Amino acid sequence: MTGTAVRSRGVNIVLWLLAFAVTLGAATYQRLTGPTHPLRGNVSIDGEPLRYRLIRSGSSSADARVELPDASAGVSGTLHFKRFKTADPFTSVALERSAGRLAAALPRQPAAGKLEYFLTLSTAEDSQRVPAGENETVVIRFKDDVPAFVLIPHILAMFLSILIGMRAGLGALVGEAKTRVLSWVTLGGLTLGGMILGPMVQKYAFGAFWTGFPFGGDLTDNKTLIMWLCWVVACGVLALARREGRSRSSAPTRVSLTARMIVLGAAVVMTIVFLIPHSLRGSELDYDAVDRGLDPSQAIETGR
């Protein structure tokens, strides 16, 4: 193997590792900052620290169980909840102790239905509210179950598309010839994962294939659309540049500087858009409409 080939292979490995690190970091950030990720924190009661992990996503097919796994024997508590964005009074349910856990159930809601809740914990000497803020509550959204044969390919296709798109952008930055192939693979992955499987996930979970532009304000759908359009443009420019290059010469053409910068731009936009937390401004059940007699499946709004 020549020195040039060794260097090229080394650069290729470094770029893949960098693309993987950026993708994994962005995916982790997006997951941890999303509104459906469990709310984690600590509270001190009677001088003893108590960690909590309060769920913010539930299934419409079962009640959602709220648990405090590390509560000491002297701690008791109450779960308070009501329908989100309504004037309902809070319903209070005592936390029950089982196997060292304090737990109670939130009643299941129709798809896109939300409940807000908080806990009060007490001992003989102390009392604490969780979350601690006087008016702070935890909001949980319910969704219909999505089959694994749709959800898993969707997640894998999106993650791999982001990874390969990052790699294409880095390749464009250093002038790699494989930038063209990587860009087309990215577009294909986003088409499958975001524009085909994504709407199927949305349909199973909330009853509609697409709730982004121009039909609604679902931020996740709009994020996907922006990423997809960026790579449509990038691949379109690559195709035109290749055609122009072939018309001038019969020899294989390298990716032009202009096309490389557009690919890099698509990767940058994809990264920025991907960092926006998942499920923001998503599907939400309008309980006022339900109370007026509208079927819950027809009372789902987006962008609220």
Protein backbone atom coordinates (compact mmCIF):
# COMPACT_ATOMS: atom_id res chain seq x y z
CA MET A 1 0.00 0.00 0.00
CA THR A 2 1.45 3.37 -1.03
CA GLY A 3 1.94 6.28 1.35
CA THR A 4 -0.84 8.20 -0.39
CA ALA A 5 -3.27 5.30 0.05
CA VAL A 6 -2.36 5.00 3.74
CA ARG A 7 -2.95 8.70 4.31
CA SER A 8 -6.25 8.54 2.43
CA ARG A 9 -7.40 5.59 4.52
CA GLY A 10 -6.36 7.37 7.71
CA VAL A 11 -8.29 10.50 6.73
CA ASN A 12 -11.34 8.37 5.89
CA ILE A 13 -11.28 6.71 9.33
CA VAL A 14 -10.82 10.04 11.13
CA LEU A 15 -13.72 11.62 9.23
CA TRP A 16 -16.04 8.68 10.02
CA LEU A 17 -15.11 8.81 13.69
CA LEU A 18 -15.70 12.55 13.78
CA ALA A 19 -19.04 12.19 11.98
CA PHE A 20 -20.11 9.46 14.42
CA ALA A 21 -19.10 11.55 17.46
CA VAL A 22 -21.00 14.61 16.22
CA THR A 23 -24.09 12.54 15.31
CA LEU A 24 -24.13 10.69 18.62
CA GLY A 25 -23.66 13.93 20.57
CA ALA A 26 -26.43 15.68 18.65
CA ALA A 27 -28.80 12.71 19.06
CA THR A 28 -28.10 12.54 22.80
CA TYR A 29 -28.64 16.28 23.24
CA GLN A 30 -31.88 16.17 21.25
CA ARG A 31 -33.16 13.22 23.26
CA LEU A 32 -32.28 14.64 26.68
CA THR A 33 -33.77 18.08 25.97
CA GLY A 34 -37.04 16.91 24.41
CA PRO A 35 -40.37 17.51 26.18
CA THR A 36 -41.19 13.79 26.33
CA HIS A 37 -37.93 12.77 28.01
CA PRO A 38 -38.33 11.97 31.73
CA LEU A 39 -37.79 14.91 34.06
CA ARG A 40 -34.90 14.14 36.39
CA GLY A 41 -33.89 15.93 39.56
CA ASN A 42 -33.23 15.74 43.27
CA VAL A 43 -35.18 16.77 46.33
CA SER A 44 -34.11 16.77 49.96
CA ILE A 45 -36.65 15.63 52.52
CA ASP A 46 -35.79 15.37 56.19
CA GLY A 47 -32.20 16.03 55.19
CA GLU A 48 -32.09 12.93 52.98
CA PRO A 49 -31.57 13.32 49.21
CA LEU A 50 -34.16 11.69 46.96
CA ARG A 51 -33.64 11.37 43.22
CA TYR A 52 -36.65 11.36 40.95
CA ARG A 53 -37.35 10.47 37.33
CA LEU A 54 -40.84 11.59 36.32
CA ILE A 55 -42.27 10.26 33.06
CA ARG A 56 -43.46 12.61 30.34
CA SER A 57 -44.64 10.12 27.72
CA GLY A 58 -47.27 7.42 28.02
CA SER A 59 -49.29 4.93 26.00
CA SER A 60 -52.99 5.41 25.36
CA SER A 61 -53.44 1.68 25.94
CA ALA A 62 -52.45 1.73 29.63
CA ASP A 63 -52.33 3.95 32.70
CA ALA A 64 -48.97 5.66 33.21
CA ARG A 65 -47.14 4.65 36.38
CA VAL A 66 -45.33 7.40 38.31
CA GLU A 67 -42.66 5.97 40.61
CA LEU A 68 -40.12 7.06 43.20
CA PRO A 69 -37.80 4.06 43.54
CA ASP A 70 -35.52 5.28 46.33
CA ALA A 71 -38.01 6.68 48.85
CA SER A 72 -37.16 5.70 52.41
CA ALA A 73 -39.68 3.96 54.64
CA GLY A 74 -40.64 7.16 56.48
CA VAL A 75 -41.69 9.01 53.31
CA SER A 76 -45.29 9.11 52.10
CA GLY A 77 -46.75 11.07 49.23
CA THR A 78 -49.61 12.09 46.97
CA LEU A 79 -49.92 12.38 43.20
CA HIS A 80 -51.91 15.39 41.98
CA PHE A 81 -53.01 15.59 38.31
CA LYS A 82 -55.45 17.18 35.90
CA ARG A 83 -56.00 17.49 32.16
CA PHE A 84 -53.54 19.91 30.58
CA LYS A 85 -54.74 23.41 29.64
CA THR A 86 -58.13 22.98 31.33
CA ALA A 87 -59.79 24.53 34.36
CA ASP A 88 -60.24 21.09 35.92
CA PRO A 89 -59.41 20.83 39.61
CA PHE A 90 -56.46 18.63 40.51
CA THR A 91 -57.28 15.05 41.42
CA SER A 92 -55.22 13.62 44.29
CA VAL A 93 -54.20 9.99 44.63
CA ALA A 94 -52.08 8.57 47.45
CA LEU A 95 -48.76 7.02 46.50
CA GLU A 96 -48.66 3.36 47.48
CA ARG A 97 -45.55 1.59 48.68
CA SER A 98 -44.49 -1.65 47.03
CA ALA A 99 -41.06 -3.30 46.91
CA GLY A 100 -39.40 -0.17 48.23
CA ARG A 101 -41.10 2.11 45.70
CA LEU A 102 -43.73 4.80 46.07
CA ALA A 103 -46.03 4.74 43.05
CA ALA A 104 -49.41 5.75 41.66
CA ALA A 105 -51.03 5.66 38.23
CA LEU A 106 -52.08 8.45 35.91
CA PRO A 107 -55.23 7.51 33.95
CA ARG A 108 -54.56 6.81 30.31
CA GLN A 109 -55.64 9.46 27.80
CA PRO A 110 -56.58 9.38 24.10
CA ALA A 111 -53.79 9.90 21.59
CA ALA A 112 -52.20 13.38 21.98
CA GLY A 113 -53.96 13.86 25.32
CA LYS A 114 -51.86 15.48 28.02
CA LEU A 115 -51.99 15.54 31.79
CA GLU A 116 -50.08 17.83 34.12
CA TYR A 117 -49.07 16.54 37.52
CA PHE A 118 -46.93 17.05 40.59
CA LEU A 119 -46.13 15.19 43.78
CA THR A 120 -46.19 16.14 47.43
CA LEU A 121 -43.91 14.16 49.71
CA SER A 122 -43.93 14.23 53.48
CA THR A 123 -42.43 12.76 56.63
CA ALA A 124 -43.22 13.43 60.28
CA GLU A 125 -40.91 16.45 60.18
CA ASP A 126 -40.83 17.71 56.59
CA SER A 127 -42.88 18.24 53.42
CA GLN A 128 -41.71 18.85 49.85
CA ARG A 129 -43.28 19.51 46.48
CA VAL A 130 -41.92 17.83 43.34
CA PRO A 131 -41.15 19.69 41.13
CA ALA A 132 -40.22 22.31 43.68
CA GLY A 133 -41.68 25.43 42.01
CA GLU A 134 -45.00 26.59 43.44
CA ASN A 135 -46.75 26.47 40.05
CA GLU A 136 -44.42 24.03 38.32
CA THR A 137 -45.88 20.78 37.00
CA VAL A 138 -44.80 17.86 34.83
CA VAL A 139 -46.64 17.41 31.52
CA ILE A 140 -47.08 13.92 30.10
CA ARG A 141 -48.35 13.24 26.58
CA PHE A 142 -50.02 9.99 25.57
CA LYS A 143 -49.81 8.34 22.17
CA ASP A 144 -51.11 5.24 20.47
CA ASP A 145 -48.66 2.35 20.22
CA VAL A 146 -46.39 2.27 17.15
CA PRO A 147 -45.47 -1.21 15.84
CA ALA A 148 -41.79 -2.08 16.18
CA PHE A 149 -41.58 -3.01 12.49
CA VAL A 150 -42.24 0.66 11.65
CA LEU A 151 -40.60 2.44 14.58
CA ILE A 152 -37.25 0.63 14.60
CA PRO A 153 -36.52 1.05 10.85
CA HIS A 154 -37.56 4.72 11.13
CA ILE A 155 -35.11 5.37 13.98
CA LEU A 156 -32.29 3.46 12.28
CA ALA A 157 -32.84 5.14 8.91
CA MET A 158 -32.86 8.60 10.47
CA PHE A 159 -29.76 8.00 12.60
CA LEU A 160 -27.80 6.53 9.68
CA SER A 161 -28.94 9.35 7.38
CA ILE A 162 -27.70 11.95 9.85
CA LEU A 163 -24.41 10.06 10.25
CA ILE A 164 -23.81 9.71 6.51
CA GLY A 165 -24.90 13.30 5.91
CA MET A 166 -22.36 14.49 8.49
CA ARG A 167 -19.73 12.37 6.76
CA ALA A 168 -20.68 13.82 3.38
CA GLY A 169 -20.32 17.35 4.74
CA LEU A 170 -16.89 16.59 6.20
CA GLY A 171 -15.89 14.95 2.93
CA ALA A 172 -17.01 18.02 1.02
CA LEU A 173 -14.91 20.17 3.32
CA VAL A 174 -11.71 18.29 2.41
CA GLY A 175 -12.65 17.73 -1.24
CA GLU A 176 -13.33 13.98 -1.25
CA ALA A 177 -14.52 12.42 -4.49
CA LYS A 178 -16.98 10.16 -2.62
CA THR A 179 -18.97 13.22 -1.48
CA ARG A 180 -21.39 12.69 -4.35
CA VAL A 181 -22.23 9.10 -3.42
CA LEU A 182 -22.55 9.91 0.29
CA SER A 183 -24.91 12.78 -0.49
CA TRP A 184 -27.22 10.60 -2.55
CA VAL A 185 -27.23 7.91 0.15
CA THR A 186 -28.16 10.61 2.70
CA LEU A 187 -31.05 11.78 0.55
CA GLY A 188 -32.25 8.20 0.08
CA GLY A 189 -32.10 7.55 3.82
CA LEU A 190 -33.98 10.72 4.68
CA THR A 191 -36.59 9.91 2.05
CA LEU A 192 -37.14 6.46 3.54
CA GLY A 193 -36.78 7.31 7.23
CA GLY A 194 -38.23 10.81 7.30
CA MET A 195 -40.67 11.13 4.41
CA ILE A 196 -42.04 7.56 4.27
CA LEU A 197 -41.58 5.84 7.64
CA GLY A 198 -41.87 9.12 9.60
CA PRO A 199 -45.44 9.79 8.46
CA MET A 200 -46.29 6.14 9.18
CA VAL A 201 -45.05 6.56 12.77
CA GLN A 202 -47.09 9.76 13.07
CA LYS A 203 -50.18 8.02 11.72
CA TYR A 204 -49.91 5.15 14.19
CA ALA A 205 -49.15 7.45 17.15
CA PHE A 206 -51.55 10.35 16.53
CA GLY A 207 -53.82 9.42 13.63
CA ALA A 208 -52.40 11.67 10.88
CA PHE A 209 -49.66 11.04 8.33
CA TRP A 210 -48.36 14.62 8.17
CA THR A 211 -48.97 17.53 10.55
CA GLY A 212 -46.23 19.87 9.40
CA PHE A 213 -46.27 22.52 6.66
CA PRO A 214 -48.67 23.25 5.01
CA PHE A 215 -51.23 21.33 7.11
CA GLY A 216 -50.04 22.15 10.62
CA GLY A 217 -47.28 23.45 12.83
CA ASP A 218 -45.69 20.18 13.99
CA LEU A 219 -42.06 21.12 14.52
CA THR A 220 -40.71 17.59 14.08
CA ASP A 221 -42.37 17.20 10.69
CA ASN A 222 -41.13 20.63 9.64
CA LYS A 223 -37.58 19.79 10.79
CA THR A 224 -37.66 16.64 8.67
CA LEU A 225 -38.96 18.58 5.67
CA ILE A 226 -36.18 21.19 5.96
CA MET A 227 -33.46 18.53 6.19
CA TRP A 228 -34.89 16.63 3.24
CA LEU A 229 -35.20 19.73 1.04
CA CYS A 230 -31.61 20.75 1.81
CA TRP A 231 -30.34 17.41 0.52
CA VAL A 232 -32.67 17.53 -2.50
CA VAL A 233 -31.02 20.82 -3.42
CA ALA A 234 -27.51 19.50 -2.71
CA CYS A 235 -28.01 16.37 -4.79
CA GLY A 236 -29.63 18.39 -7.57
CA VAL A 237 -26.58 20.67 -7.71
CA LEU A 238 -24.26 17.64 -7.70
CA ALA A 239 -26.18 16.10 -10.61
CA LEU A 240 -26.04 19.31 -12.65
CA ALA A 241 -22.34 19.79 -11.94
CA ARG A 242 -21.63 16.20 -13.02
CA ARG A 243 -23.59 16.63 -16.22
CA GLU A 244 -21.78 19.86 -17.06
CA GLY A 245 -18.42 18.25 -16.32
CA ARG A 246 -19.17 15.30 -18.59
CA SER A 247 -20.21 17.58 -21.41
CA ARG A 248 -16.78 19.19 -21.31
CA SER A 249 -14.70 16.06 -20.91
CA SER A 250 -15.08 12.31 -21.18
CA ALA A 251 -12.91 11.83 -18.08
CA PRO A 252 -14.54 11.37 -14.61
CA THR A 253 -15.23 14.71 -12.99
CA ARG A 254 -14.44 15.74 -9.43
CA VAL A 255 -16.98 17.52 -7.27
CA SER A 256 -16.82 21.24 -7.97
CA LEU A 257 -16.08 23.73 -5.22
CA THR A 258 -19.58 25.22 -5.50
CA ALA A 259 -21.23 21.81 -5.18
CA ARG A 260 -18.98 20.93 -2.24
CA MET A 261 -19.95 24.10 -0.39
CA ILE A 262 -23.63 23.41 -0.96
CA VAL A 263 -23.22 19.87 0.41
CA LEU A 264 -21.38 21.31 3.40
CA GLY A 265 -24.20 23.81 3.87
CA ALA A 266 -26.79 21.02 3.78
CA ALA A 267 -24.84 19.15 6.47
CA VAL A 268 -24.59 22.27 8.65
CA VAL A 269 -28.31 23.03 8.33
CA MET A 270 -29.12 19.39 9.07
CA THR A 271 -27.02 19.53 12.23
CA ILE A 272 -28.64 22.74 13.45
CA VAL A 273 -32.15 21.50 12.71
CA PHE A 274 -31.44 18.10 14.25
CA LEU A 275 -30.38 19.75 17.52
CA ILE A 276 -33.88 21.18 17.99
CA PRO A 277 -35.53 18.96 20.65
CA HIS A 278 -37.82 16.25 19.34
CA SER A 279 -41.62 16.55 19.76
CA LEU A 280 -41.71 20.32 20.34
CA ARG A 281 -44.97 21.90 19.17
CA GLY A 282 -46.32 18.45 18.33
CA SER A 283 -49.77 16.89 18.39
CA GLU A 284 -51.98 17.94 21.30
CA LEU A 285 -55.54 17.03 22.17
CA ASP A 286 -57.97 19.95 22.53
CA TYR A 287 -59.94 18.97 25.62
CA ASP A 288 -62.36 21.87 25.17
CA ALA A 289 -63.39 20.41 21.82
CA VAL A 290 -63.73 16.96 23.38
CA ASP A 291 -65.95 18.38 26.13
CA ARG A 292 -68.14 19.88 23.43
CA GLY A 293 -68.73 16.40 22.03
CA LEU A 294 -66.06 16.13 19.32
CA ASP A 295 -64.46 12.72 18.95
CA PRO A 296 -60.90 12.79 20.38
CA SER A 297 -59.46 11.56 17.08
CA GLN A 298 -60.88 14.71 15.46
CA ALA A 299 -59.78 17.10 18.21
CA ILE A 300 -55.99 16.84 17.76
CA GLU A 301 -54.13 20.06 16.99
CA THR A 302 -50.46 20.83 16.34
CA GLY A 303 -48.11 23.71 16.95
CA ARG A 304 -49.61 24.63 20.35
